[in-house]
Amino acid sequence: MDICLVTIDNDLNKSLQPKSAFGMLWLQTHFENDQWEALSNSTVIITEENSKLLMEDATNAGLNIKCISDISMLDVFPKNN
């Protein structure tokens, strides 16, 4: 896996996490220099729409992308009190 996109909230925003040197290098060609530290620390958050565009572009470039959800089921189905 080169890049992992982790859904972090109910608005489907994603944490962008490079997982290989190839993934990091590819991301560096798509983000400004001042964002590289945030990329390397996996602290970049992108919208669902932008994540779809990124996935398409990265996949076309030959990268292996994985999407996962970090939202617990309690967030999706709140517990009744």
C-alpha atoms as a PDB file:
ATOM      1  CA  MET A   1       0.000   0.000   0.000  1.00  0.00           C
ATOM      2  CA  ASP A   2       1.323   3.439  -0.946  1.00  0.00           C
ATOM      3  CA  ILE A   3      -1.354   5.750   0.457  1.00  0.00           C
ATOM      4  CA  CYS A   4      -4.109   5.152   2.972  1.00  0.00           C
ATOM      5  CA  LEU A   5      -7.193   7.358   3.255  1.00  0.00           C
ATOM      6  CA  VAL A   6      -8.904   7.024   6.626  1.00  0.00           C
ATOM      7  CA  THR A   7     -12.450   8.352   7.062  1.00  0.00           C
ATOM      8  CA  ILE A   8     -12.348  10.361  10.284  1.00  0.00           C
ATOM      9  CA  ASP A   9     -15.832  11.826  10.694  1.00  0.00           C
ATOM     10  CA  ASN A  10     -19.448  11.556   9.607  1.00  0.00           C
ATOM     11  CA  ASP A  11     -18.835  14.177   6.893  1.00  0.00           C
ATOM     12  CA  LEU A  12     -16.515  11.598   5.272  1.00  0.00           C
ATOM     13  CA  ASN A  13     -13.404  13.781   5.608  1.00  0.00           C
ATOM     14  CA  LYS A  14     -10.241  11.733   5.221  1.00  0.00           C
ATOM     15  CA  SER A  15      -6.873  11.621   6.928  1.00  0.00           C
ATOM     16  CA  LEU A  16      -4.232  11.295   4.215  1.00  0.00           C
ATOM     17  CA  GLN A  17      -1.508   8.855   5.250  1.00  0.00           C
ATOM     18  CA  PRO A  18       1.478   8.012   3.047  1.00  0.00           C
ATOM     19  CA  LYS A  19       2.553   4.401   3.649  1.00  0.00           C
ATOM     20  CA  SER A  20       5.500   4.001   1.286  1.00  0.00           C
ATOM     21  CA  ALA A  21       8.345   6.122  -0.058  1.00  0.00           C
ATOM     22  CA  PHE A  22       6.659   6.018  -3.475  1.00  0.00           C
ATOM     23  CA  GLY A  23       3.387   7.255  -1.943  1.00  0.00           C
ATOM     24  CA  MET A  24       5.146  10.084  -0.115  1.00  0.00           C
ATOM     25  CA  LEU A  25       7.078  11.114  -3.215  1.00  0.00           C
ATOM     26  CA  TRP A  26       3.898  11.128  -5.305  1.00  0.00           C
ATOM     27  CA  LEU A  27       2.100  13.245  -2.679  1.00  0.00           C
ATOM     28  CA  GLN A  28       5.004  15.692  -2.605  1.00  0.00           C
ATOM     29  CA  THR A  29       4.484  16.316  -6.323  1.00  0.00           C
ATOM     30  CA  HIS A  30       0.835  17.201  -5.651  1.00  0.00           C
ATOM     31  CA  PHE A  31       1.130  19.372  -2.533  1.00  0.00           C
ATOM     32  CA  GLU A  32       3.014  22.590  -1.805  1.00  0.00           C
ATOM     33  CA  ASN A  33       6.432  22.403  -0.105  1.00  0.00           C
ATOM     34  CA  ASP A  34       5.075  23.930   3.100  1.00  0.00           C
ATOM     35  CA  GLN A  35       2.652  20.984   3.440  1.00  0.00           C
ATOM     36  CA  TRP A  36       5.286  18.234   3.243  1.00  0.00           C
ATOM     37  CA  GLU A  37       5.844  18.095   7.006  1.00  0.00           C
ATOM     38  CA  ALA A  38       2.108  17.657   7.594  1.00  0.00           C
ATOM     39  CA  LEU A  39       2.082  14.940   4.907  1.00  0.00           C
ATOM     40  CA  SER A  40       4.947  13.066   6.545  1.00  0.00           C
ATOM     41  CA  ASN A  41       3.180  13.305   9.932  1.00  0.00           C
ATOM     42  CA  SER A  42      -0.155  12.109   8.453  1.00  0.00           C
ATOM     43  CA  THR A  43      -1.926  15.264   9.650  1.00  0.00           C
ATOM     44  CA  VAL A  44      -3.406  16.332   6.295  1.00  0.00           C
ATOM     45  CA  ILE A  45      -7.214  16.159   6.151  1.00  0.00           C
ATOM     46  CA  ILE A  46      -9.044  16.255   2.814  1.00  0.00           C
ATOM     47  CA  THR A  47     -12.709  16.252   1.857  1.00  0.00           C
ATOM     48  CA  GLU A  48     -14.550  13.259   0.433  1.00  0.00           C
ATOM     49  CA  GLU A  49     -14.703  14.949  -2.975  1.00  0.00           C
ATOM     50  CA  ASN A  50     -10.970  15.673  -3.013  1.00  0.00           C
ATOM     51  CA  SER A  51     -10.189  12.161  -1.805  1.00  0.00           C
ATOM     52  CA  LYS A  52     -12.044  10.708  -4.807  1.00  0.00           C
ATOM     53  CA  LEU A  53     -10.019  12.901  -7.172  1.00  0.00           C
ATOM     54  CA  LEU A  54      -6.784  11.980  -5.408  1.00  0.00           C
ATOM     55  CA  MET A  55      -7.629   8.271  -5.537  1.00  0.00           C
ATOM     56  CA  GLU A  56      -8.357   8.407  -9.252  1.00  0.00           C
ATOM     57  CA  ASP A  57      -5.177  10.337 -10.035  1.00  0.00           C
ATOM     58  CA  ALA A  58      -2.975   8.164  -7.804  1.00  0.00           C
ATOM     59  CA  THR A  59      -4.454   4.919  -9.117  1.00  0.00           C
ATOM     60  CA  ASN A  60      -3.872   6.093 -12.691  1.00  0.00           C
ATOM     61  CA  ALA A  61      -0.239   6.736 -11.703  1.00  0.00           C
ATOM     62  CA  GLY A  62       0.078   3.132 -10.518  1.00  0.00           C
ATOM     63  CA  LEU A  63      -0.128   3.674  -6.752  1.00  0.00           C
ATOM     64  CA  ASN A  64      -1.861   1.217  -4.452  1.00  0.00           C
ATOM     65  CA  ILE A  65      -4.509   3.115  -2.438  1.00  0.00           C
ATOM     66  CA  LYS A  66      -6.547   1.823   0.482  1.00  0.00           C
ATOM     67  CA  CYS A  67      -9.590   3.472   2.083  1.00  0.00           C
ATOM     68  CA  ILE A  68     -10.691   2.570   5.583  1.00  0.00           C
ATOM     69  CA  SER A  69     -13.051   4.021   8.156  1.00  0.00           C
ATOM     70  CA  ASP A  70     -12.000   5.108  11.627  1.00  0.00           C
ATOM     71  CA  ILE A  71     -15.589   5.948  12.630  1.00  0.00           C
ATOM     72  CA  SER A  72     -16.963   3.648  15.287  1.00  0.00           C
ATOM     73  CA  MET A  73     -20.432   2.182  14.943  1.00  0.00           C
ATOM     74  CA  LEU A  74     -21.482   4.264  17.955  1.00  0.00           C
ATOM     75  CA  ASP A  75     -20.768   7.382  15.902  1.00  0.00           C
ATOM     76  CA  VAL A  76     -22.962   6.077  13.088  1.00  0.00           C
ATOM     77  CA  PHE A  77     -25.722   4.703  15.335  1.00  0.00           C
ATOM     78  CA  PRO A  78     -25.743   6.750  18.559  1.00  0.00           C
ATOM     79  CA  LYS A  79     -26.726   4.906  21.685  1.00  0.00           C
ATOM     80  CA  ASN A  80     -30.199   5.772  23.013  1.00  0.00           C
ATOM     81  CA  ASN A  81     -30.149   7.068  26.596  1.00  0.00           C
END
